[in-house]
Each structure stands twice: as C-alpha cells, then as structure tokens.
Amino acid sequence: MSRSARLVPAAAGLLALALTGTACGGGVHGTPGGSGVRDPYFPKAGNGGYDVTHYALTLDYTPGSRHLTGKAVITARATKDLTAFDLDLAGLDVDSVTVEGKDARWNRTGQELTVRPHDDLGKGETFRTTVRYSGTPQTLTDPDGSEEGWLRTADGALGLGEPVGSMAWFPGNHHPSDKATYDITVTVPKDLQAVSNGELTSRHTQGGRTSYAWHSAQPMASYLATVAIGHYDITSTTGPHGLPVLTAVDPTQAKASAKVLAKIPGILAWEELNFGPYPFTSSGVIVDRPDDVDYALETQTRPVFPGAPETGTLVHELAHQWYGDSVTPKSWQDMWLNEGFATYAEWLYEEDHGGKSAQQTFTDLYEDDDEAVWAFPPAKPSGAAHISDSPVYERGAMVLHKIRQKVGDDTFYDIIQGWAAAHRHGTASTADFTAYVEKKVPDKDFAGIWKDWLYGDGRPDHP
C-alpha cells in the first residue's frame, strides 16, 4: 500500500546564496542544480544537476527525548557543471556541510537545503557531501490525511517515506527517479533494537548504547528506506535458494503474526515462479503495532505492516519487491505500475490457491460499478491526494487482466517477467511499459486497452 505526502513550500533560495557570497570558480562555469524535478504531483521533490550513487547514514536516536543526531555522507555524480545544488530536508537543524572535505556555504528555504561547494563541480565529476544535523524529526501529514516521515511509536520510532517522508530523517535527492545503494547505521539505547533494509553487517554495544549497521547492496529509492526502533522479536530463516529472511515483530503482535509469516518462503517461491528471480539479496518483514502505523508499506527487502498482515496483504507487499522496489516508477504519476501489479498479484495468488479466479474478481469489480474505481484513469490520478486511490490499485490490475485476456497466459507471463527483468533495479514510466508490451507482442493491437482502461475516463462500455 502507498501514501501521498504534504510538501513544505520551498524556493530555490538563490537570492540568499547571492548574499552569502560565491564559491571558488576552479575554472568551471556552471549553474545551480535547481530544486525539484518537476514531478507532476510533487514538483518540489528531488533535485536537479546530480545523481546520487550511495548514502551512508549514521543515526543516533533516543526515544525518551525524541532527539536524533545524524550524519549523511552522500556520494553523487554531477550531471552538469554545478555552482550549487539542493538536497531535500524537512525540519531538523543543519550543523555543518562539507563537499569533498571542504566547508560549503548553505542555506535553508522550506524543504530545500541549498549547498554551494567551495569549488564548483564539473559535469561527470563524482563528489561527496557530508551533512551533519540534529533535532526532533517530524511526522508529515499527506494530502490524503495519512502520516509519514518519522513516526513516534509506543517504544521507539518508525521511519516511513512514501512519497517524500524520508526527508524528515535524512537529507537527499528524494524522488524515485534517483536510486542509490545504502549503508544505514543506527545507535539506540541497548535495551532497544534498530531494524532497517538489507542485511545486518554488524552489531556493537558500548556505553549503554547499541549500534546496528545495515547494508543495501542493490539500488533503492529513498521512499523505500526504513528504520524501525523498538522492542522486536527477531527471527531468521531462509526462503527460496537459501535467501535470508529476517522478520522483526513487535512482541504484542508475535502470536497473531506467527502463522501468516510462516508463509513467506512459500509466497516468495510462488512469486519467483510468476514474476522471475527475486531481485534482492534478503527478504523479511517488520510488524509493528496497529496503533503505531495504520498502513502497510513496501519498504525494500523488509515491508512494514500495522499488526499481523492478512495473506493477501503479505502477497501484495512482497510482490512490490519486483514491481515498485526493483522496477521503480520514474514519477508519482506512474504509481499504477506499483499498485496495479501488486494488486493483480493478489488476484493471481487467490486464483492459484483455491479462491476466485482473476477473471471472476475482474468481473465482480466491473459489475459492482463502484464509482470510486472509475473516478479517474489509473495512469492519470486526479491529484497528489489520490495517487493511492482505488483506480490506481483495482483499475490498474484490470489493465493487466485485459492484457492477459488479449495475449493468453503464456505470453502474459512472458510480459510481466520480461518487464521485471528488463528494468531490474531501474526506473520506468507508463510510456515505457506500453512500448514494452507493444514490442513484445507486435501482432496484437493494444490501442483500445490503453485508450479505454489505462487513460480513459469512466467505466469502459464492455468488460
């Protein structure tokens, strides 16, 4: 499941930069990178002029005081000559910024942290920015009323970031079009645990505090990064091909979760059969209390759930590891490529496990004629508050079923497996998907499906 987020109004802050002086030229005649990548729904999300390749985050958090101390080392490559660049950061206090080890000028305007390095950066240059920061991380309220960012829990905290909530706990290029690898080290009081994405590489206790170091070797969009701090029952097992599976469950949810979480290896095996090889080097889940968070989210390798999940929800969030996490949308307008696929995975799983066929689910949705399903086309949500509404999920799944009807099962599974493989660890748009389908099956005409089901207004005349 996915959520939308409120953006703090921001500006580029170039006037403020002009007042603080200029950087040393170094022979480069560049321009500022610019704030925002002009996403159709979150235009201030992300930043121009560079691509991040790696985040090294070092966090220290005390739940009692709600104080976070952080250091973010961001390795990036300039995509043009730069005199300045922006990072997204909501709230928190910036203590210092360096670029390539030299003090950099910086200023804040809304969510924008604008950095002017001591030496201008040339196109193609790899550079390292270190931001030291601290304060009380914010919980952000989305246009649809849900909460993201840094959520306070009964015994700790939970970082959730879709679509831009991660900027509440670390500075970065917070748009799905810029993916990077991650190292996240979290230090907490020794009676607590800190769980994140990827694999645990070290655990060290000193002076009454324990540090947990997590490594994500495959690229990840920042909205899929998570940190869960609290008391957890942690269990390690294996999935298909010996895949490490780590589950972290709030003790109050352990009994209710045990039976469904035991299905993870089987679900992953079924999803590999249908979607192709699992795209990451570990899997698992985080289960927190329902009163701490009220939605599930497909955080990479380790989805988060509000209490014990139902089987369908578990199937959905694990399917996102292929569709959404490995193949990530280029913009938030492409959300149906996440949610339509994960919803259709639920239909397929039910079909293969003694429940309704996908055709029956499709027919029921069509005949029920729920206005919510037909409120807008899945590829054109009506606004930022609606990118997680029913058309993105259910009608998105109906698009996939229409493709299956047209091409037959063998070709359909070739399409969805090939799509996951072709864009593995990358980003893709709706236009990329429609072009892929048409190239994969050149003897079929998909124009009617795109026109009526993907981009058309209202319920199509015929199912």
Protein backbone atom coordinates (compact mmCIF):
# COMPACT_ATOMS: atom_id res chain seq x y z
CA MET A 1 0.00 0.00 0.00
CA SER A 2 1.16 3.53 -0.69
CA ARG A 3 0.57 7.01 0.63
CA SER A 4 0.95 10.59 -0.59
CA ALA A 5 2.71 13.33 1.34
CA ARG A 6 2.45 17.01 2.09
CA LEU A 7 5.32 19.08 0.80
CA VAL A 8 6.58 22.08 2.73
CA PRO A 9 6.52 25.13 0.41
CA ALA A 10 10.01 25.80 -0.85
CA ALA A 11 12.05 28.04 -3.12
CA ALA A 12 15.43 27.73 -4.69
CA GLY A 13 16.99 30.20 -2.30
CA LEU A 14 19.27 31.69 -4.92
CA LEU A 15 18.92 35.22 -3.55
CA ALA A 16 20.08 34.01 -0.16
CA LEU A 17 23.03 32.33 -1.83
CA ALA A 18 23.94 35.52 -3.58
CA LEU A 19 24.02 37.30 -0.25
CA THR A 20 26.34 34.70 1.29
CA GLY A 21 28.95 35.04 -1.42
CA THR A 22 30.29 32.95 -4.29
CA ALA A 23 32.37 29.81 -4.39
CA CYS A 24 35.82 29.49 -5.84
CA GLY A 25 35.45 29.02 -9.56
CA GLY A 26 38.08 26.36 -10.26
CA GLY A 27 37.70 27.03 -13.99
CA VAL A 28 34.15 25.67 -14.17
CA HIS A 29 31.35 27.92 -15.43
CA GLY A 30 28.27 26.18 -14.09
CA THR A 31 24.79 26.92 -12.82
CA PRO A 32 22.80 25.89 -9.75
CA GLY A 33 21.33 22.39 -9.94
CA GLY A 34 17.82 23.55 -9.18
CA SER A 35 15.17 22.45 -6.70
CA GLY A 36 12.65 19.82 -7.71
CA VAL A 37 12.48 17.56 -10.77
CA ARG A 38 9.02 18.85 -11.73
CA ASP A 39 7.15 15.72 -10.74
CA PRO A 40 3.50 16.13 -11.85
CA TYR A 41 2.22 15.67 -8.28
CA PHE A 42 5.18 16.66 -6.09
CA PRO A 43 7.04 19.29 -8.13
CA LYS A 44 9.48 20.19 -5.34
CA ALA A 45 10.51 16.56 -4.73
CA GLY A 46 14.02 15.66 -5.78
CA ASN A 47 16.61 18.00 -7.24
CA GLY A 48 18.41 18.64 -10.50
CA GLY A 49 22.03 18.53 -11.56
CA TYR A 50 23.26 15.30 -9.99
CA ASP A 51 22.60 11.60 -9.43
CA VAL A 52 23.21 10.01 -6.04
CA THR A 53 25.04 6.68 -6.08
CA HIS A 54 25.33 5.96 -2.34
CA TYR A 55 24.02 7.14 1.02
CA ALA A 56 25.98 6.40 4.20
CA LEU A 57 23.70 7.38 7.09
CA THR A 58 24.84 7.36 10.70
CA LEU A 59 21.94 7.97 13.10
CA ASP A 60 21.74 8.16 16.88
CA TYR A 61 18.26 8.24 18.40
CA THR A 62 16.89 8.35 21.94
CA PRO A 63 13.13 7.71 22.09
CA GLY A 64 12.72 9.31 25.51
CA SER A 65 13.93 12.74 24.35
CA ARG A 66 12.96 12.13 20.68
CA HIS A 67 16.36 13.53 19.76
CA LEU A 68 18.05 12.43 16.54
CA THR A 69 21.66 13.13 15.67
CA GLY A 70 22.62 12.30 12.11
CA LYS A 71 25.44 12.33 9.63
CA ALA A 72 24.70 11.76 5.95
CA VAL A 73 27.57 11.12 3.56
CA ILE A 74 26.12 11.39 0.06
CA THR A 75 28.16 10.26 -2.91
CA ALA A 76 26.86 11.66 -6.21
CA ARG A 77 27.83 12.39 -9.79
CA ALA A 78 27.27 15.83 -11.33
CA THR A 79 25.13 15.64 -14.47
CA LYS A 80 26.07 19.19 -15.45
CA ASP A 81 28.50 21.89 -14.36
CA LEU A 82 27.34 23.00 -10.91
CA THR A 83 27.91 26.08 -8.80
CA ALA A 84 25.30 24.89 -6.27
CA PHE A 85 22.86 22.04 -5.69
CA ASP A 86 19.90 21.27 -3.45
CA LEU A 87 19.07 18.49 -1.01
CA ASP A 88 15.60 17.80 0.41
CA LEU A 89 15.40 18.03 4.21
CA ALA A 90 12.28 18.80 6.23
CA GLY A 91 12.82 20.19 9.71
CA LEU A 92 15.92 19.25 11.73
CA ASP A 93 18.85 21.58 12.31
CA VAL A 94 21.85 21.55 9.99
CA ASP A 95 25.09 21.78 11.92
CA SER A 96 27.60 21.68 9.05
CA VAL A 97 28.01 20.84 5.37
CA THR A 98 31.18 19.87 3.56
CA VAL A 99 31.75 18.93 -0.07
CA GLU A 100 34.88 16.92 -0.83
CA GLY A 101 36.11 17.66 2.70
CA LYS A 102 35.87 21.44 2.34
CA ASP A 103 33.38 23.60 4.21
CA ALA A 104 30.47 24.58 1.98
CA ARG A 105 28.10 27.52 2.18
CA TRP A 106 24.47 26.53 2.66
CA ASN A 107 21.04 27.97 3.41
CA ARG A 108 17.56 26.66 4.16
CA THR A 109 14.26 27.55 2.48
CA GLY A 110 11.36 25.27 3.30
CA GLN A 111 12.38 21.70 2.49
CA GLU A 112 15.34 22.87 0.39
CA LEU A 113 18.88 22.72 1.73
CA THR A 114 20.85 24.62 -0.90
CA VAL A 115 24.59 23.89 -0.90
CA ARG A 116 27.27 25.95 -2.59
CA PRO A 117 30.53 23.98 -2.57
CA HIS A 118 33.89 25.67 -2.07
CA ASP A 119 34.89 24.60 -5.58
CA ASP A 120 32.45 24.39 -8.47
CA LEU A 121 31.72 20.90 -9.76
CA GLY A 122 32.29 19.80 -13.33
CA LYS A 123 29.87 17.63 -15.32
CA GLY A 124 30.67 13.96 -14.73
CA GLU A 125 32.56 14.66 -11.51
CA THR A 126 31.89 12.35 -8.56
CA PHE A 127 31.69 14.26 -5.30
CA ARG A 128 30.98 13.51 -1.66
CA THR A 129 28.78 15.73 0.50
CA THR A 130 28.67 15.34 4.29
CA VAL A 131 25.78 16.86 6.21
CA ARG A 132 25.73 16.80 10.00
CA TYR A 133 22.32 17.50 11.50
CA SER A 134 20.22 17.03 14.63
CA GLY A 135 16.87 17.73 16.24
CA THR A 136 13.42 16.22 16.61
CA PRO A 137 12.34 14.52 13.35
CA GLN A 138 8.94 15.50 12.02
CA THR A 139 5.86 13.47 11.22
CA LEU A 140 4.48 14.75 7.93
CA THR A 141 0.77 14.75 7.02
CA ASP A 142 -0.10 13.78 3.47
CA PRO A 143 -2.82 15.36 1.32
CA ASP A 144 -4.93 12.25 1.96
CA GLY A 145 -4.55 12.68 5.72
CA SER A 146 -2.16 9.80 6.38
CA GLU A 147 1.13 10.24 8.22
CA GLU A 148 4.69 9.52 7.11
CA GLY A 149 8.19 10.67 7.88
CA TRP A 150 9.32 9.89 11.42
CA LEU A 151 6.50 8.26 13.37
CA ARG A 152 6.72 8.01 17.12
CA THR A 153 5.77 4.51 18.33
CA ALA A 154 4.93 3.08 21.75
CA ASP A 155 8.53 2.07 22.38
CA GLY A 156 10.58 3.85 19.72
CA ALA A 157 10.13 5.22 16.22
CA LEU A 158 9.41 4.19 12.65
CA GLY A 159 10.72 5.92 9.53
CA LEU A 160 8.39 5.63 6.52
CA GLY A 161 8.92 7.59 3.35
CA GLU A 162 6.35 7.24 0.59
CA PRO A 163 6.36 9.52 -1.26
CA VAL A 164 8.71 12.09 0.35
CA GLY A 165 8.68 11.32 4.08
CA SER A 166 12.30 10.19 4.17
CA MET A 167 13.36 13.83 4.00
CA ALA A 168 12.14 14.06 7.61
CA TRP A 169 15.10 11.98 8.80
CA PHE A 170 17.90 12.38 6.27
CA PRO A 171 18.88 14.88 3.55
CA GLY A 172 18.87 13.58 -0.01
CA ASN A 173 17.50 13.60 -3.51
CA HIS A 174 14.05 12.43 -2.51
CA HIS A 175 12.44 11.39 -5.77
CA PRO A 176 12.04 7.82 -7.06
CA SER A 177 13.90 8.63 -10.27
CA ASP A 178 17.21 8.75 -8.35
CA LYS A 179 18.08 5.40 -6.75
CA ALA A 180 21.20 4.59 -4.76
CA THR A 181 22.79 1.97 -2.53
CA TYR A 182 22.65 2.47 1.24
CA ASP A 183 24.53 1.89 4.46
CA ILE A 184 22.41 2.79 7.48
CA THR A 185 23.89 2.62 10.97
CA VAL A 186 21.54 3.31 13.88
CA THR A 187 22.57 3.68 17.52
CA VAL A 188 19.90 3.30 20.21
CA PRO A 189 19.69 2.54 23.95
CA LYS A 190 20.95 -1.01 24.45
CA ASP A 191 17.55 -2.39 25.52
CA LEU A 192 16.13 -1.49 22.07
CA GLN A 193 16.76 -2.76 18.57
CA ALA A 194 17.10 -0.97 15.24
CA VAL A 195 15.99 -2.72 12.05
CA SER A 196 16.46 -1.39 8.53
CA ASN A 197 16.71 -2.51 4.90
CA GLY A 198 19.08 -5.12 3.55
CA GLU A 199 21.45 -7.18 5.66
CA LEU A 200 22.75 -6.61 9.17
CA THR A 201 26.53 -6.34 8.86
CA SER A 202 27.46 -5.56 12.46
CA ARG A 203 26.10 -5.03 15.94
CA HIS A 204 28.16 -3.36 18.66
CA THR A 205 27.32 -2.30 22.23
CA GLN A 206 29.29 0.30 24.15
CA GLY A 207 28.45 2.69 26.94
CA GLY A 208 24.84 1.56 27.29
CA ARG A 209 24.05 2.01 23.59
CA THR A 210 23.98 -0.46 20.70
CA SER A 211 24.79 0.30 17.07
CA TYR A 212 23.19 -1.71 14.25
CA ALA A 213 24.74 -1.44 10.78
CA TRP A 214 22.58 -2.38 7.76
CA HIS A 215 23.72 -2.61 4.14
CA SER A 216 21.61 -2.45 0.97
CA ALA A 217 23.72 -3.50 -1.99
CA GLN A 218 21.01 -3.05 -4.62
CA PRO A 219 19.78 0.43 -5.63
CA MET A 220 16.87 1.77 -3.61
CA ALA A 221 14.60 4.80 -3.97
CA SER A 222 14.68 6.90 -0.82
CA TYR A 223 10.95 6.44 -0.18
CA LEU A 224 11.64 2.73 0.35
CA ALA A 225 14.23 3.25 3.08
CA THR A 226 13.09 2.49 6.62
CA VAL A 227 14.31 2.45 10.19
CA ALA A 228 12.32 0.69 12.92
CA ILE A 229 13.39 1.31 16.50
CA GLY A 230 11.83 -0.51 19.45
CA HIS A 231 11.44 -3.95 21.01
CA TYR A 232 11.21 -6.73 18.41
CA ASP A 233 11.22 -10.49 18.31
CA ILE A 234 13.71 -11.14 15.52
CA THR A 235 13.68 -14.42 13.64
CA SER A 236 15.98 -15.53 10.84
CA THR A 237 15.04 -18.24 8.37
CA THR A 238 15.56 -18.95 4.67
CA GLY A 239 13.47 -18.65 1.55
CA PRO A 240 13.99 -19.96 -1.99
CA HIS A 241 17.61 -20.83 -2.88
CA GLY A 242 18.70 -20.15 0.71
CA LEU A 243 17.56 -16.49 0.59
CA PRO A 244 17.98 -14.93 4.06
CA VAL A 245 14.59 -13.97 5.54
CA LEU A 246 14.58 -11.78 8.66
CA THR A 247 11.35 -10.90 10.45
CA ALA A 248 11.14 -8.29 13.21
CA VAL A 249 7.85 -8.43 15.10
CA ASP A 250 6.63 -6.29 17.98
CA PRO A 251 6.16 -8.74 20.88
CA THR A 252 2.50 -7.74 21.20
CA GLN A 253 1.93 -8.96 17.62
CA ALA A 254 4.05 -12.12 17.71
CA LYS A 255 1.34 -14.69 18.42
CA ALA A 256 -1.10 -13.25 15.88
CA SER A 257 1.61 -12.99 13.21
CA ALA A 258 3.28 -16.39 13.51
CA LYS A 259 1.03 -18.37 11.19
CA VAL A 260 0.93 -15.88 8.32
CA LEU A 261 4.64 -15.03 8.48
CA ALA A 262 5.45 -18.72 8.18
CA LYS A 263 4.06 -18.43 4.65
CA ILE A 264 6.80 -16.02 3.50
CA PRO A 265 9.12 -18.65 1.94
CA GLY A 266 6.21 -20.22 0.06
CA ILE A 267 4.90 -16.87 -1.15
CA LEU A 268 8.34 -15.86 -2.37
CA ALA A 269 8.69 -19.17 -4.21
CA TRP A 270 5.28 -18.66 -5.85
CA GLU A 271 6.20 -15.08 -6.80
CA GLU A 272 9.50 -16.22 -8.30
CA LEU A 273 7.60 -18.73 -10.42
CA ASN A 274 5.28 -15.99 -11.69
CA PHE A 275 7.48 -12.87 -11.74
CA GLY A 276 11.02 -14.19 -12.19
CA PRO A 277 14.04 -14.32 -9.85
CA TYR A 278 13.74 -12.41 -6.58
CA PRO A 279 15.60 -9.13 -7.18
CA PHE A 280 17.35 -8.64 -3.81
CA THR A 281 19.77 -10.46 -1.53
CA SER A 282 17.48 -10.71 1.50
CA SER A 283 13.82 -10.53 2.46
CA GLY A 284 11.59 -10.35 5.51
CA VAL A 285 9.09 -8.05 7.21
CA ILE A 286 8.68 -5.60 10.07
CA VAL A 287 5.45 -5.91 12.06
CA ASP A 288 4.62 -3.03 14.38
CA ARG A 289 1.55 -2.24 16.45
CA PRO A 290 -1.65 -1.14 14.64
CA ASP A 291 -1.87 1.96 16.83
CA ASP A 292 1.66 3.00 15.76
CA VAL A 293 1.01 2.94 12.00
CA ASP A 294 -2.22 2.37 10.07
CA TYR A 295 -0.97 1.19 6.66
CA ALA A 296 1.40 -1.36 5.16
CA LEU A 297 4.32 -0.16 3.04
CA GLU A 298 6.65 -2.00 0.69
CA THR A 299 9.92 -0.80 2.23
CA GLN A 300 12.69 -2.53 0.27
CA THR A 301 13.51 -6.11 1.31
CA ARG A 302 11.53 -5.70 4.54
CA PRO A 303 7.93 -4.40 4.18
CA VAL A 304 6.27 -2.79 7.20
CA PHE A 305 2.87 -3.94 8.49
CA PRO A 306 0.47 -2.48 11.09
CA GLY A 307 -0.05 -5.65 13.09
CA ALA A 308 -0.35 -9.19 11.74
CA PRO A 309 -1.00 -8.97 7.99
CA GLU A 310 -3.59 -10.94 6.09
CA THR A 311 -2.17 -13.32 3.50
CA GLY A 312 -3.33 -11.14 0.60
CA THR A 313 -1.59 -8.08 2.04
CA LEU A 314 1.60 -10.07 2.56
CA VAL A 315 1.45 -11.26 -1.06
CA HIS A 316 0.85 -7.65 -2.18
CA GLU A 317 3.79 -6.09 -0.33
CA LEU A 318 6.20 -8.88 -1.27
CA ALA A 319 5.14 -8.56 -4.93
CA HIS A 320 6.19 -4.92 -4.69
CA GLN A 321 9.78 -6.11 -4.33
CA TRP A 322 9.61 -6.80 -8.07
CA TYR A 323 7.13 -4.07 -9.05
CA GLY A 324 7.86 -0.79 -7.31
CA ASP A 325 11.10 -1.60 -5.48
CA SER A 326 13.24 -3.19 -8.19
CA VAL A 327 11.30 -1.61 -11.07
CA THR A 328 10.61 1.83 -9.62
CA PRO A 329 8.32 4.49 -11.12
CA LYS A 330 10.01 7.41 -12.85
CA SER A 331 7.40 9.75 -11.39
CA TRP A 332 4.49 9.56 -8.97
CA GLN A 333 2.13 9.63 -11.94
CA ASP A 334 3.32 6.08 -12.67
CA MET A 335 2.09 4.68 -9.34
CA TRP A 336 -0.20 2.16 -11.02
CA LEU A 337 2.94 0.32 -12.18
CA ASN A 338 3.48 -0.39 -8.47
CA GLU A 339 -0.03 -0.84 -7.17
CA GLY A 340 -1.78 -2.33 -10.19
CA PHE A 341 0.86 -5.05 -10.40
CA ALA A 342 0.83 -5.79 -6.66
CA THR A 343 -2.97 -5.89 -6.62
CA TYR A 344 -3.03 -8.24 -9.59
CA ALA A 345 -0.53 -10.43 -7.73
CA GLU A 346 -3.20 -10.83 -5.04
CA TRP A 347 -5.73 -11.89 -7.68
CA LEU A 348 -3.33 -14.41 -9.16
CA TYR A 349 -2.40 -15.85 -5.77
CA GLU A 350 -6.05 -16.31 -4.87
CA GLU A 351 -6.65 -17.95 -8.24
CA ASP A 352 -3.79 -20.41 -7.66
CA HIS A 353 -4.76 -21.19 -4.05
CA GLY A 354 -8.36 -22.29 -4.27
CA GLY A 355 -10.07 -18.90 -4.33
CA LYS A 356 -11.78 -16.84 -7.02
CA SER A 357 -10.24 -16.72 -10.45
CA ALA A 358 -8.72 -13.43 -11.57
CA GLN A 359 -11.45 -13.32 -14.21
CA GLN A 360 -14.15 -13.56 -11.54
CA THR A 361 -12.51 -10.82 -9.47
CA PHE A 362 -12.32 -8.65 -12.59
CA THR A 363 -15.98 -9.34 -13.45
CA ASP A 364 -17.15 -8.62 -9.92
CA LEU A 365 -15.35 -5.28 -9.90
CA TYR A 366 -16.79 -4.32 -13.27
CA GLU A 367 -20.36 -5.33 -12.43
CA ASP A 368 -20.32 -3.73 -8.98
CA ASP A 369 -19.73 -0.43 -10.79
CA ASP A 370 -18.28 1.27 -7.72
CA GLU A 371 -17.84 4.96 -8.56
CA ALA A 372 -14.54 5.01 -6.66
CA VAL A 373 -12.97 2.51 -9.09
CA TRP A 374 -13.82 4.69 -12.09
CA ALA A 375 -13.07 8.09 -10.53
CA PHE A 376 -10.07 8.68 -12.81
CA PRO A 377 -7.78 6.70 -15.15
CA PRO A 378 -5.05 4.70 -13.39
CA ALA A 379 -2.32 6.43 -15.39
CA LYS A 380 -3.68 9.92 -14.61
CA PRO A 381 -4.54 10.32 -10.91
CA SER A 382 -6.59 13.43 -10.23
CA GLY A 383 -4.10 14.89 -7.75
CA ALA A 384 -1.46 14.22 -5.12
CA ALA A 385 -4.15 13.26 -2.60
CA HIS A 386 -5.37 10.47 -4.88
CA ILE A 387 -2.27 8.57 -6.01
CA SER A 388 -3.23 5.78 -3.60
CA ASP A 389 -6.93 5.65 -4.50
CA SER A 390 -8.84 2.71 -5.92
CA PRO A 391 -8.28 3.40 -9.66
CA VAL A 392 -4.51 3.10 -9.17
CA TYR A 393 -4.94 -0.29 -7.47
CA GLU A 394 -8.04 -2.06 -8.77
CA ARG A 395 -8.35 -0.46 -12.19
CA GLY A 396 -4.59 -0.77 -12.59
CA ALA A 397 -4.96 -4.50 -12.01
CA MET A 398 -7.81 -4.56 -14.52
CA VAL A 399 -5.45 -3.16 -17.17
CA LEU A 400 -3.15 -6.12 -16.62
CA HIS A 401 -6.07 -8.53 -16.81
CA LYS A 402 -7.15 -7.01 -20.14
CA ILE A 403 -3.64 -7.63 -21.47
CA ARG A 404 -3.84 -11.22 -20.23
CA GLN A 405 -7.19 -11.68 -21.95
CA LYS A 406 -5.77 -10.42 -25.23
CA VAL A 407 -2.50 -12.36 -25.34
CA GLY A 408 -3.20 -15.54 -23.33
CA ASP A 409 -1.46 -16.86 -20.24
CA ASP A 410 1.87 -17.94 -21.73
CA THR A 411 2.55 -14.60 -23.39
CA PHE A 412 1.18 -12.66 -20.43
CA TYR A 413 3.65 -14.26 -18.02
CA ASP A 414 6.42 -13.66 -20.55
CA ILE A 415 5.43 -9.98 -20.47
CA ILE A 416 5.37 -9.47 -16.71
CA GLN A 417 8.54 -11.50 -16.14
CA GLY A 418 10.30 -9.76 -19.01
CA TRP A 419 9.23 -6.35 -17.73
CA ALA A 420 10.71 -7.08 -14.29
CA ALA A 421 13.93 -8.31 -15.88
CA ALA A 422 14.30 -5.51 -18.43
CA HIS A 423 14.07 -2.76 -15.79
CA ARG A 424 15.60 -4.64 -12.83
CA HIS A 425 16.99 -2.14 -10.29
CA GLY A 426 15.98 0.74 -12.56
CA THR A 427 13.10 3.13 -13.13
CA ALA A 428 10.33 3.08 -15.70
CA SER A 429 7.31 5.06 -16.83
CA THR A 430 3.87 4.14 -18.09
CA ALA A 431 5.04 5.00 -21.62
CA ASP A 432 7.95 2.59 -21.15
CA PHE A 433 5.50 -0.15 -20.18
CA THR A 434 3.09 0.33 -23.06
CA ALA A 435 6.00 0.44 -25.51
CA TYR A 436 7.42 -2.74 -23.97
CA VAL A 437 4.12 -4.61 -24.34
CA GLU A 438 3.68 -3.50 -27.94
CA LYS A 439 7.23 -4.53 -28.84
CA LYS A 440 6.86 -7.86 -27.03
CA VAL A 441 3.65 -8.72 -28.90
CA PRO A 442 3.82 -6.83 -32.21
CA ASP A 443 0.98 -8.78 -33.81
CA LYS A 444 -1.63 -7.52 -31.31
CA ASP A 445 -3.32 -4.13 -31.15
CA PHE A 446 -3.36 -2.71 -27.63
CA ALA A 447 -4.64 0.75 -28.54
CA GLY A 448 -8.12 0.02 -27.19
CA ILE A 449 -6.79 -1.15 -23.83
CA TRP A 450 -4.63 1.94 -23.43
CA LYS A 451 -7.45 4.26 -24.54
CA ASP A 452 -10.31 2.76 -22.54
CA TRP A 453 -8.69 1.15 -19.49
CA LEU A 454 -5.39 2.92 -18.86
CA TYR A 455 -6.11 6.52 -19.89
CA GLY A 456 -9.87 6.68 -20.40
CA ASP A 457 -12.38 8.44 -18.16
CA GLY A 458 -15.18 6.43 -16.57
CA ARG A 459 -16.12 2.77 -16.88
CA PRO A 460 -15.49 1.26 -20.33
CA ASP A 461 -18.66 0.13 -22.13
CA HIS A 462 -17.62 -3.51 -22.28
CA PRO A 463 -15.64 -5.57 -19.71
